[in-house]
C-alpha atoms as a PDB file:
ATOM      1  CA  UNK A   1      83.150  98.011  66.240  1.00  0.00           C
ATOM      2  CA  UNK A   2      81.233  99.060  63.099  1.00  0.00           C
ATOM      3  CA  UNK A   3      80.268 102.517  64.388  1.00  0.00           C
ATOM      4  CA  UNK A   4      83.862 103.352  65.237  1.00  0.00           C
ATOM      5  CA  UNK A   5      85.105 102.046  61.909  1.00  0.00           C
ATOM      6  CA  UNK A   6      82.520 104.178  60.090  1.00  0.00           C
ATOM      7  CA  UNK A   7      83.709 107.252  61.996  1.00  0.00           C
ATOM      8  CA  UNK A   8      87.318 106.640  60.999  1.00  0.00           C
ATOM      9  CA  UNK A   9      86.288 106.079  57.406  1.00  0.00           C
ATOM     10  CA  UNK A  10      84.543 109.448  57.364  1.00  0.00           C
ATOM     11  CA  UNK A  11      87.425 111.231  59.168  1.00  0.00           C
ATOM     12  CA  UNK A  12      90.726 109.869  57.844  1.00  0.00           C
ATOM     13  CA  UNK A  13      92.931 112.685  59.211  1.00  0.00           C
ATOM     14  CA  UNK A  14      92.672 113.094  62.954  1.00  0.00           C
ATOM     15  CA  UNK A  15      94.253 115.167  65.701  1.00  0.00           C
ATOM     16  CA  UNK A  16      93.567 113.420  68.999  1.00  0.00           C
ATOM     17  CA  UNK A  17      93.793 115.173  72.363  1.00  0.00           C
ATOM     18  CA  UNK A  18      96.092 112.671  74.022  1.00  0.00           C
ATOM     19  CA  UNK A  19      96.202 112.579  77.818  1.00  0.00           C
ATOM     20  CA  UNK A  20      98.090 109.295  77.808  1.00  0.00           C
ATOM     21  CA  UNK A  21      95.243 107.610  79.707  1.00  0.00           C
ATOM     22  CA  UNK A  22      93.519 104.428  78.624  1.00  0.00           C
ATOM     23  CA  UNK A  23      90.750 106.026  76.560  1.00  0.00           C
ATOM     24  CA  UNK A  24      92.975 108.278  74.470  1.00  0.00           C
ATOM     25  CA  UNK A  25      95.498 105.452  73.944  1.00  0.00           C
ATOM     26  CA  UNK A  26      92.715 103.142  72.813  1.00  0.00           C
ATOM     27  CA  UNK A  27      91.336 105.780  70.452  1.00  0.00           C
ATOM     28  CA  UNK A  28      94.762 106.404  68.895  1.00  0.00           C
ATOM     29  CA  UNK A  29      95.450 102.680  68.497  1.00  0.00           C
ATOM     30  CA  UNK A  30      92.056 102.034  66.887  1.00  0.00           C
ATOM     31  CA  UNK A  31      92.405 105.002  64.539  1.00  0.00           C
ATOM     32  CA  UNK A  32      95.774 103.758  63.360  1.00  0.00           C
ATOM     33  CA  UNK A  33      94.488 100.185  63.010  1.00  0.00           C
ATOM     34  CA  UNK A  34      91.714 101.434  60.728  1.00  0.00           C
ATOM     35  CA  UNK A  35      94.182 103.341  58.556  1.00  0.00           C
ATOM     36  CA  UNK A  36      93.760 106.904  59.815  1.00  0.00           C
ATOM     37  CA  UNK A  37      96.530 109.457  59.643  1.00  0.00           C
ATOM     38  CA  UNK A  38      96.845 110.421  63.318  1.00  0.00           C
ATOM     39  CA  UNK A  39      98.561 113.232  65.187  1.00  0.00           C
ATOM     40  CA  UNK A  40      98.401 112.977  68.985  1.00  0.00           C
ATOM     41  CA  UNK A  41      98.492 116.233  70.974  1.00  0.00           C
ATOM     42  CA  UNK A  42      99.506 116.049  74.630  1.00  0.00           C
ATOM     43  CA  UNK A  43      98.974 119.036  76.929  1.00  0.00           C
ATOM     44  CA  UNK A  44     101.137 119.273  80.034  1.00  0.00           C
ATOM     45  CA  UNK A  45     101.469 121.830  82.800  1.00  0.00           C
ATOM     46  CA  UNK A  46     101.267 122.151  86.599  1.00  0.00           C
ATOM     47  CA  UNK A  47      97.902 120.367  86.597  1.00  0.00           C
ATOM     48  CA  UNK A  48      99.116 117.214  84.847  1.00  0.00           C
ATOM     49  CA  UNK A  49     100.816 114.380  86.787  1.00  0.00           C
ATOM     50  CA  UNK A  50     104.383 113.961  85.567  1.00  0.00           C
ATOM     51  CA  UNK A  51     103.785 110.238  85.109  1.00  0.00           C
ATOM     52  CA  UNK A  52     100.997 111.010  82.610  1.00  0.00           C
ATOM     53  CA  UNK A  53     103.371 112.950  80.372  1.00  0.00           C
ATOM     54  CA  UNK A  54     106.019 110.222  80.633  1.00  0.00           C
ATOM     55  CA  UNK A  55     103.380 107.609  79.804  1.00  0.00           C
ATOM     56  CA  UNK A  56     102.084 109.584  76.835  1.00  0.00           C
ATOM     57  CA  UNK A  57     105.591 109.851  75.386  1.00  0.00           C
ATOM     58  CA  UNK A  58     106.272 106.147  75.952  1.00  0.00           C
ATOM     59  CA  UNK A  59     103.058 105.032  74.302  1.00  0.00           C
ATOM     60  CA  UNK A  60     103.517 107.386  71.343  1.00  0.00           C
ATOM     61  CA  UNK A  61     106.954 105.883  70.719  1.00  0.00           C
ATOM     62  CA  UNK A  62     105.618 102.344  71.056  1.00  0.00           C
ATOM     63  CA  UNK A  63     102.836 103.010  68.578  1.00  0.00           C
ATOM     64  CA  UNK A  64     105.016 105.222  66.346  1.00  0.00           C
ATOM     65  CA  UNK A  65     102.544 108.059  66.759  1.00  0.00           C
ATOM     66  CA  UNK A  66     103.403 111.577  65.737  1.00  0.00           C
ATOM     67  CA  UNK A  67     103.238 113.418  69.062  1.00  0.00           C
ATOM     68  CA  UNK A  68     102.901 117.166  69.511  1.00  0.00           C
ATOM     69  CA  UNK A  69     103.312 118.626  73.002  1.00  0.00           C
ATOM     70  CA  UNK A  70     101.808 121.815  74.347  1.00  0.00           C
ATOM     71  CA  UNK A  71     102.649 123.463  77.660  1.00  0.00           C
ATOM     72  CA  UNK A  72      99.702 125.328  79.212  1.00  0.00           C
ATOM     73  CA  UNK A  73      99.018 126.743  82.664  1.00  0.00           C
ATOM     74  CA  UNK A  74      95.280 126.789  83.495  1.00  0.00           C
ATOM     75  CA  UNK A  75      96.026 128.371  86.880  1.00  0.00           C
ATOM     76  CA  UNK A  76      96.260 131.663  84.994  1.00  0.00           C
ATOM     77  CA  UNK A  77      92.459 131.453  84.618  1.00  0.00           C
ATOM     78  CA  UNK A  78      90.670 132.958  87.650  1.00  0.00           C
ATOM     79  CA  UNK A  79      87.836 130.397  87.431  1.00  0.00           C
ATOM     80  CA  UNK A  80      90.334 127.549  87.625  1.00  0.00           C
ATOM     81  CA  UNK A  81      92.625 129.085  90.261  1.00  0.00           C
ATOM     82  CA  UNK A  82      89.680 129.552  92.625  1.00  0.00           C
ATOM     83  CA  UNK A  83      88.161 126.132  91.709  1.00  0.00           C
ATOM     84  CA  UNK A  84      84.878 127.403  90.353  1.00  0.00           C
ATOM     85  CA  UNK A  85      82.139 124.766  90.171  1.00  0.00           C
ATOM     86  CA  UNK A  86      82.652 124.735  86.379  1.00  0.00           C
ATOM     87  CA  UNK A  87      86.442 124.789  86.518  1.00  0.00           C
ATOM     88  CA  UNK A  88      86.633 121.820  84.123  1.00  0.00           C
ATOM     89  CA  UNK A  89      84.666 123.765  81.513  1.00  0.00           C
ATOM     90  CA  UNK A  90      87.009 126.762  81.622  1.00  0.00           C
ATOM     91  CA  UNK A  91      90.108 124.571  81.693  1.00  0.00           C
ATOM     92  CA  UNK A  92      88.898 122.461  78.767  1.00  0.00           C
ATOM     93  CA  UNK A  93      88.059 125.545  76.687  1.00  0.00           C
ATOM     94  CA  UNK A  94      91.541 126.904  77.368  1.00  0.00           C
ATOM     95  CA  UNK A  95      93.179 123.604  76.439  1.00  0.00           C
ATOM     96  CA  UNK A  96      91.162 123.047  73.259  1.00  0.00           C
ATOM     97  CA  UNK A  97      91.827 126.568  72.052  1.00  0.00           C
ATOM     98  CA  UNK A  98      95.530 125.976  72.619  1.00  0.00           C
ATOM     99  CA  UNK A  99      95.433 122.682  70.715  1.00  0.00           C
ATOM    100  CA  UNK A 100      93.648 124.280  67.774  1.00  0.00           C
ATOM    101  CA  UNK A 101      96.153 127.150  67.630  1.00  0.00           C
ATOM    102  CA  UNK A 102      99.057 124.704  67.806  1.00  0.00           C
ATOM    103  CA  UNK A 103      97.674 122.639  64.925  1.00  0.00           C
ATOM    104  CA  UNK A 104      97.129 125.717  62.770  1.00  0.00           C
ATOM    105  CA  UNK A 105     100.649 126.903  63.521  1.00  0.00           C
ATOM    106  CA  UNK A 106     102.040 123.500  62.500  1.00  0.00           C
ATOM    107  CA  UNK A 107     100.107 123.463  59.216  1.00  0.00           C
ATOM    108  CA  UNK A 108      97.766 120.748  60.545  1.00  0.00           C
ATOM    109  CA  UNK A 109      94.674 122.875  60.991  1.00  0.00           C
ATOM    110  CA  UNK A 110      92.538 120.858  58.575  1.00  0.00           C
ATOM    111  CA  UNK A 111      92.515 117.778  60.805  1.00  0.00           C
ATOM    112  CA  UNK A 112      89.379 116.679  62.667  1.00  0.00           C
ATOM    113  CA  UNK A 113      90.044 117.191  66.379  1.00  0.00           C
ATOM    114  CA  UNK A 114      88.869 114.395  68.681  1.00  0.00           C
ATOM    115  CA  UNK A 115      89.123 113.422  72.308  1.00  0.00           C
ATOM    116  CA  UNK A 116      88.824 110.180  74.248  1.00  0.00           C
ATOM    117  CA  UNK A 117      85.582 110.822  76.156  1.00  0.00           C
ATOM    118  CA  UNK A 118      83.639 107.569  76.373  1.00  0.00           C
ATOM    119  CA  UNK A 119      79.948 106.782  76.618  1.00  0.00           C
ATOM    120  CA  UNK A 120      80.053 106.427  80.419  1.00  0.00           C
ATOM    121  CA  UNK A 121      81.204 110.035  80.728  1.00  0.00           C
ATOM    122  CA  UNK A 122      77.835 111.200  79.414  1.00  0.00           C
ATOM    123  CA  UNK A 123      76.073 109.968  82.572  1.00  0.00           C
ATOM    124  CA  UNK A 124      78.424 111.798  84.967  1.00  0.00           C
ATOM    125  CA  UNK A 125      79.008 115.387  85.998  1.00  0.00           C
ATOM    126  CA  UNK A 126      81.369 116.516  83.221  1.00  0.00           C
ATOM    127  CA  UNK A 127      81.249 120.309  82.628  1.00  0.00           C
ATOM    128  CA  UNK A 128      84.079 119.882  80.120  1.00  0.00           C
ATOM    129  CA  UNK A 129      81.696 118.194  77.690  1.00  0.00           C
ATOM    130  CA  UNK A 130      80.054 121.563  77.027  1.00  0.00           C
ATOM    131  CA  UNK A 131      83.452 122.933  76.014  1.00  0.00           C
ATOM    132  CA  UNK A 132      83.872 120.041  73.577  1.00  0.00           C
ATOM    133  CA  UNK A 133      80.525 120.835  71.951  1.00  0.00           C
ATOM    134  CA  UNK A 134      81.253 124.559  71.729  1.00  0.00           C
ATOM    135  CA  UNK A 135      84.668 123.944  70.159  1.00  0.00           C
ATOM    136  CA  UNK A 136      83.335 121.363  67.702  1.00  0.00           C
ATOM    137  CA  UNK A 137      85.453 118.543  69.140  1.00  0.00           C
ATOM    138  CA  UNK A 138      84.225 115.020  68.381  1.00  0.00           C
ATOM    139  CA  UNK A 139      84.297 112.080  70.798  1.00  0.00           C
ATOM    140  CA  UNK A 140      84.336 108.906  68.658  1.00  0.00           C
ATOM    141  CA  UNK A 141      84.204 106.473  71.596  1.00  0.00           C
ATOM    142  CA  UNK A 142      81.118 108.148  73.064  1.00  0.00           C
ATOM    143  CA  UNK A 143      79.499 108.400  69.620  1.00  0.00           C
ATOM    144  CA  UNK A 144      80.091 104.670  69.098  1.00  0.00           C
ATOM    145  CA  UNK A 145      78.514 103.845  72.469  1.00  0.00           C
ATOM    146  CA  UNK A 146      81.737 102.451  73.936  1.00  0.00           C
ATOM    147  CA  UNK A 147      82.026 102.581  77.723  1.00  0.00           C
ATOM    148  CA  UNK A 148      85.001 101.981  80.004  1.00  0.00           C
ATOM    149  CA  UNK A 149      84.378  98.267  80.471  1.00  0.00           C
ATOM    150  CA  UNK A 150      84.378  97.491  76.750  1.00  0.00           C
ATOM    151  CA  UNK A 151      87.369  99.769  76.163  1.00  0.00           C
ATOM    152  CA  UNK A 152      89.374  97.842  78.769  1.00  0.00           C
ATOM    153  CA  UNK A 153      88.357  94.539  77.214  1.00  0.00           C
ATOM    154  CA  UNK A 154      89.195  95.659  73.683  1.00  0.00           C
ATOM    155  CA  UNK A 155      92.514  97.185  74.730  1.00  0.00           C
ATOM    156  CA  UNK A 156      93.613  93.901  76.302  1.00  0.00           C
ATOM    157  CA  UNK A 157      92.638  92.072  73.121  1.00  0.00           C
ATOM    158  CA  UNK A 158      94.718  94.522  71.083  1.00  0.00           C
ATOM    159  CA  UNK A 159      97.658  93.973  73.430  1.00  0.00           C
ATOM    160  CA  UNK A 160      98.938  97.525  73.569  1.00  0.00           C
ATOM    161  CA  UNK A 161     100.956  98.757  76.573  1.00  0.00           C
ATOM    162  CA  UNK A 162      99.475  99.093  80.068  1.00  0.00           C
ATOM    163  CA  UNK A 163      95.790  98.378  79.329  1.00  0.00           C
ATOM    164  CA  UNK A 164      95.017  97.865  83.035  1.00  0.00           C
ATOM    165  CA  UNK A 165      96.467 101.037  84.535  1.00  0.00           C
ATOM    166  CA  UNK A 166      94.140 103.287  86.503  1.00  0.00           C
ATOM    167  CA  UNK A 167      93.148 106.671  85.174  1.00  0.00           C
ATOM    168  CA  UNK A 168      94.735 109.677  86.865  1.00  0.00           C
ATOM    169  CA  UNK A 169      92.662 112.745  86.062  1.00  0.00           C
ATOM    170  CA  UNK A 170      94.285 116.134  86.286  1.00  0.00           C
ATOM    171  CA  UNK A 171      95.518 117.268  89.680  1.00  0.00           C
ATOM    172  CA  UNK A 172      92.985 120.102  89.866  1.00  0.00           C
ATOM    173  CA  UNK A 173      90.307 117.483  90.607  1.00  0.00           C
ATOM    174  CA  UNK A 174      92.033 116.767  93.938  1.00  0.00           C
ATOM    175  CA  UNK A 175      90.567 120.016  95.287  1.00  0.00           C
ATOM    176  CA  UNK A 176      87.071 120.603  96.579  1.00  0.00           C
ATOM    177  CA  UNK A 177      85.255 123.477  94.928  1.00  0.00           C
ATOM    178  CA  UNK A 178      85.825 127.087  95.976  1.00  0.00           C
ATOM    179  CA  UNK A 179      89.306 126.438  97.338  1.00  0.00           C
ATOM    180  CA  UNK A 180      92.403 128.344  96.186  1.00  0.00           C
ATOM    181  CA  UNK A 181      95.048 126.143  94.551  1.00  0.00           C
ATOM    182  CA  UNK A 182      98.638 126.778  95.676  1.00  0.00           C
ATOM    183  CA  UNK A 183     100.962 125.895  92.810  1.00  0.00           C
ATOM    184  CA  UNK A 184     103.548 124.382  95.161  1.00  0.00           C
ATOM    185  CA  UNK A 185     100.936 122.147  96.781  1.00  0.00           C
ATOM    186  CA  UNK A 186      99.927 120.710  93.396  1.00  0.00           C
ATOM    187  CA  UNK A 187     103.479 119.499  92.924  1.00  0.00           C
ATOM    188  CA  UNK A 188     103.539 117.963  96.403  1.00  0.00           C
ATOM    189  CA  UNK A 189     100.261 116.134  95.733  1.00  0.00           C
ATOM    190  CA  UNK A 190     101.693 114.633  92.560  1.00  0.00           C
ATOM    191  CA  UNK A 191     104.889 113.521  94.333  1.00  0.00           C
ATOM    192  CA  UNK A 192     102.934 112.111  97.292  1.00  0.00           C
ATOM    193  CA  UNK A 193     100.639 110.034  95.089  1.00  0.00           C
ATOM    194  CA  UNK A 194     103.602 108.726  93.120  1.00  0.00           C
ATOM    195  CA  UNK A 195     105.404 107.736  96.341  1.00  0.00           C
ATOM    196  CA  UNK A 196     102.318 105.954  97.662  1.00  0.00           C
ATOM    197  CA  UNK A 197     101.765 104.156  94.368  1.00  0.00           C
ATOM    198  CA  UNK A 198     105.353 102.895  94.506  1.00  0.00           C
ATOM    199  CA  UNK A 199     104.710 101.008  97.770  1.00  0.00           C
ATOM    200  CA  UNK A 200     104.392  97.274  97.130  1.00  0.00           C
ATOM    201  CA  UNK A 201     103.193  94.177  98.939  1.00  0.00           C
ATOM    202  CA  UNK A 202     105.109  90.936  99.490  1.00  0.00           C
ATOM    203  CA  UNK A 203     104.361  89.861  95.893  1.00  0.00           C
ATOM    204  CA  UNK A 204     105.742  93.077  94.463  1.00  0.00           C
ATOM    205  CA  UNK A 205     102.310  94.417  93.484  1.00  0.00           C
ATOM    206  CA  UNK A 206     101.263  97.974  94.180  1.00  0.00           C
ATOM    207  CA  UNK A 207      99.849  98.342  97.666  1.00  0.00           C
ATOM    208  CA  UNK A 208      96.949 100.414  96.313  1.00  0.00           C
ATOM    209  CA  UNK A 209      94.718  99.564  93.367  1.00  0.00           C
ATOM    210  CA  UNK A 210      93.954 103.277  93.106  1.00  0.00           C
ATOM    211  CA  UNK A 211      94.125 106.370  95.282  1.00  0.00           C
ATOM    212  CA  UNK A 212      93.639 110.139  95.341  1.00  0.00           C
ATOM    213  CA  UNK A 213      94.958 112.733  97.769  1.00  0.00           C
ATOM    214  CA  UNK A 214      92.005 115.093  98.196  1.00  0.00           C
ATOM    215  CA  UNK A 215      92.084 118.603  99.673  1.00  0.00           C
ATOM    216  CA  UNK A 216      88.872 119.617 101.462  1.00  0.00           C
ATOM    217  CA  UNK A 217      90.766 121.892 102.719  1.00  0.00           C
ATOM    218  CA  UNK A 218      92.062 119.224 105.150  1.00  0.00           C
ATOM    219  CA  UNK A 219      93.839 116.442 103.243  1.00  0.00           C
ATOM    220  CA  UNK A 220      92.040 113.119 102.760  1.00  0.00           C
ATOM    221  CA  UNK A 221      93.689 110.011 101.344  1.00  0.00           C
ATOM    222  CA  UNK A 222      90.922 108.347  99.346  1.00  0.00           C
ATOM    223  CA  UNK A 223      91.424 104.637  98.602  1.00  0.00           C
ATOM    224  CA  UNK A 224      89.223 101.668  97.742  1.00  0.00           C
ATOM    225  CA  UNK A 225      90.939  99.413 100.278  1.00  0.00           C
ATOM    226  CA  UNK A 226      93.544 100.358 102.861  1.00  0.00           C
ATOM    227  CA  UNK A 227      96.229  97.980 104.235  1.00  0.00           C
ATOM    228  CA  UNK A 228      95.924  98.955 107.886  1.00  0.00           C
ATOM    229  CA  UNK A 229      98.911  96.791 108.813  1.00  0.00           C
ATOM    230  CA  UNK A 230     101.039  99.248 106.786  1.00  0.00           C
ATOM    231  CA  UNK A 231      99.430 102.389 108.191  1.00  0.00           C
ATOM    232  CA  UNK A 232     102.557 103.712 109.908  1.00  0.00           C
ATOM    233  CA  UNK A 233     104.560 103.417 106.664  1.00  0.00           C
ATOM    234  CA  UNK A 234     101.854 105.142 104.649  1.00  0.00           C
ATOM    235  CA  UNK A 235     101.520 107.933 107.189  1.00  0.00           C
ATOM    236  CA  UNK A 236     105.268 108.482 107.129  1.00  0.00           C
ATOM    237  CA  UNK A 237     105.100 109.047 103.367  1.00  0.00           C
ATOM    238  CA  UNK A 238     102.256 111.514 103.862  1.00  0.00           C
ATOM    239  CA  UNK A 239     104.203 113.292 106.601  1.00  0.00           C
ATOM    240  CA  UNK A 240     107.339 113.494 104.451  1.00  0.00           C
ATOM    241  CA  UNK A 241     105.431 115.534 101.882  1.00  0.00           C
ATOM    242  CA  UNK A 242     103.632 117.760 104.374  1.00  0.00           C
ATOM    243  CA  UNK A 243     100.335 115.877 104.698  1.00  0.00           C
ATOM    244  CA  UNK A 244     100.832 114.412 108.158  1.00  0.00           C
ATOM    245  CA  UNK A 245      97.311 115.368 109.300  1.00  0.00           C
ATOM    246  CA  UNK A 246      95.702 113.312 106.531  1.00  0.00           C
ATOM    247  CA  UNK A 247      92.465 111.374 107.109  1.00  0.00           C
ATOM    248  CA  UNK A 248      92.109 107.902 105.525  1.00  0.00           C
ATOM    249  CA  UNK A 249      88.866 107.440 103.587  1.00  0.00           C
ATOM    250  CA  UNK A 250      87.796 104.160 101.949  1.00  0.00           C
ATOM    251  CA  UNK A 251      85.234 104.486  99.141  1.00  0.00           C
ATOM    252  CA  UNK A 252      83.865 101.961  96.675  1.00  0.00           C
ATOM    253  CA  UNK A 253      84.498 104.282  93.743  1.00  0.00           C
ATOM    254  CA  UNK A 254      87.476 106.606  93.426  1.00  0.00           C
ATOM    255  CA  UNK A 255      86.323 109.065  90.755  1.00  0.00           C
ATOM    256  CA  UNK A 256      83.723 111.784  91.265  1.00  0.00           C
ATOM    257  CA  UNK A 257      84.556 112.339  94.949  1.00  0.00           C
ATOM    258  CA  UNK A 258      83.380 115.961  94.905  1.00  0.00           C
ATOM    259  CA  UNK A 259      80.692 115.443  92.258  1.00  0.00           C
ATOM    260  CA  UNK A 260      78.484 112.735  93.764  1.00  0.00           C
ATOM    261  CA  UNK A 261      75.555 115.114  94.208  1.00  0.00           C
ATOM    262  CA  UNK A 262      76.032 116.933  90.910  1.00  0.00           C
ATOM    263  CA  UNK A 263      73.745 116.246  87.912  1.00  0.00           C
ATOM    264  CA  UNK A 264      75.107 114.129  85.084  1.00  0.00           C
ATOM    265  CA  UNK A 265      76.249 115.848  81.903  1.00  0.00           C
ATOM    266  CA  UNK A 266      73.326 114.296  80.044  1.00  0.00           C
ATOM    267  CA  UNK A 267      70.853 115.611  82.633  1.00  0.00           C
ATOM    268  CA  UNK A 268      72.459 119.027  82.490  1.00  0.00           C
ATOM    269  CA  UNK A 269      72.102 119.081  78.688  1.00  0.00           C
ATOM    270  CA  UNK A 270      68.425 118.143  78.940  1.00  0.00           C
ATOM    271  CA  UNK A 271      67.798 120.824  81.545  1.00  0.00           C
ATOM    272  CA  UNK A 272      69.541 123.415  79.369  1.00  0.00           C
ATOM    273  CA  UNK A 273      67.413 122.370  76.394  1.00  0.00           C
ATOM    274  CA  UNK A 274      64.247 122.616  78.463  1.00  0.00           C
ATOM    275  CA  UNK A 275      65.120 126.093  79.671  1.00  0.00           C
ATOM    276  CA  UNK A 276      65.828 127.219  76.117  1.00  0.00           C
ATOM    277  CA  UNK A 277      62.488 125.776  74.944  1.00  0.00           C
ATOM    278  CA  UNK A 278      60.606 127.583  77.699  1.00  0.00           C
END
């Protein structure tokens, strides 16, 4: 990975926005392997699954990473609370500003701030990428041309913990746009998904490869494959957490459920450039 190595050589002191997901873990592990001095910064709040925070702490201990934690509540932003079409932009700006202030307050303000966005993210609807550009945040994996498939392969080769786990983006993405977000419901969504993920088959493997509980405003359980022979058990879990009227929806891809018809971030950038030129 020459491009990634060159980046680390040019930026030896990094602060990495650390969700605890595969990409940010891979970035932290690579940075350390190439001799960088790394501080990982994990943001948690009502929008972050509790398992993500637990996973971030576990991985930081395993890799002996210095971990800073920051509690933020993006629901205090009107654009986020009402799920504006660009909610991810406003949320990301809020988070990055908080990270920068935390680093300055800890005497670490001179570090280069990075995140784990990968090259595949550039071809999807990702309003948060504009926030990264505006805040001067670098994305080494995207700059090095590394997509999700190669990151998974490399992470397995490196042997660090849980390289196969599915990404769990923030809970705000469970809501369709222009819907109010009840704080209590966010917590129930997190608990419901955790309960469903804990269901296992006869071999002890998770019943679901991946899933999301979407709010449209009616709840939809989105899965890649559904074990219909266990439907009554699954529906009981949904009912226990107040989602008894849930529809089951099987889709080939889990991510981007509400963004399928949105332009990619790269297309959006090109359109913005064209409008500026005209």
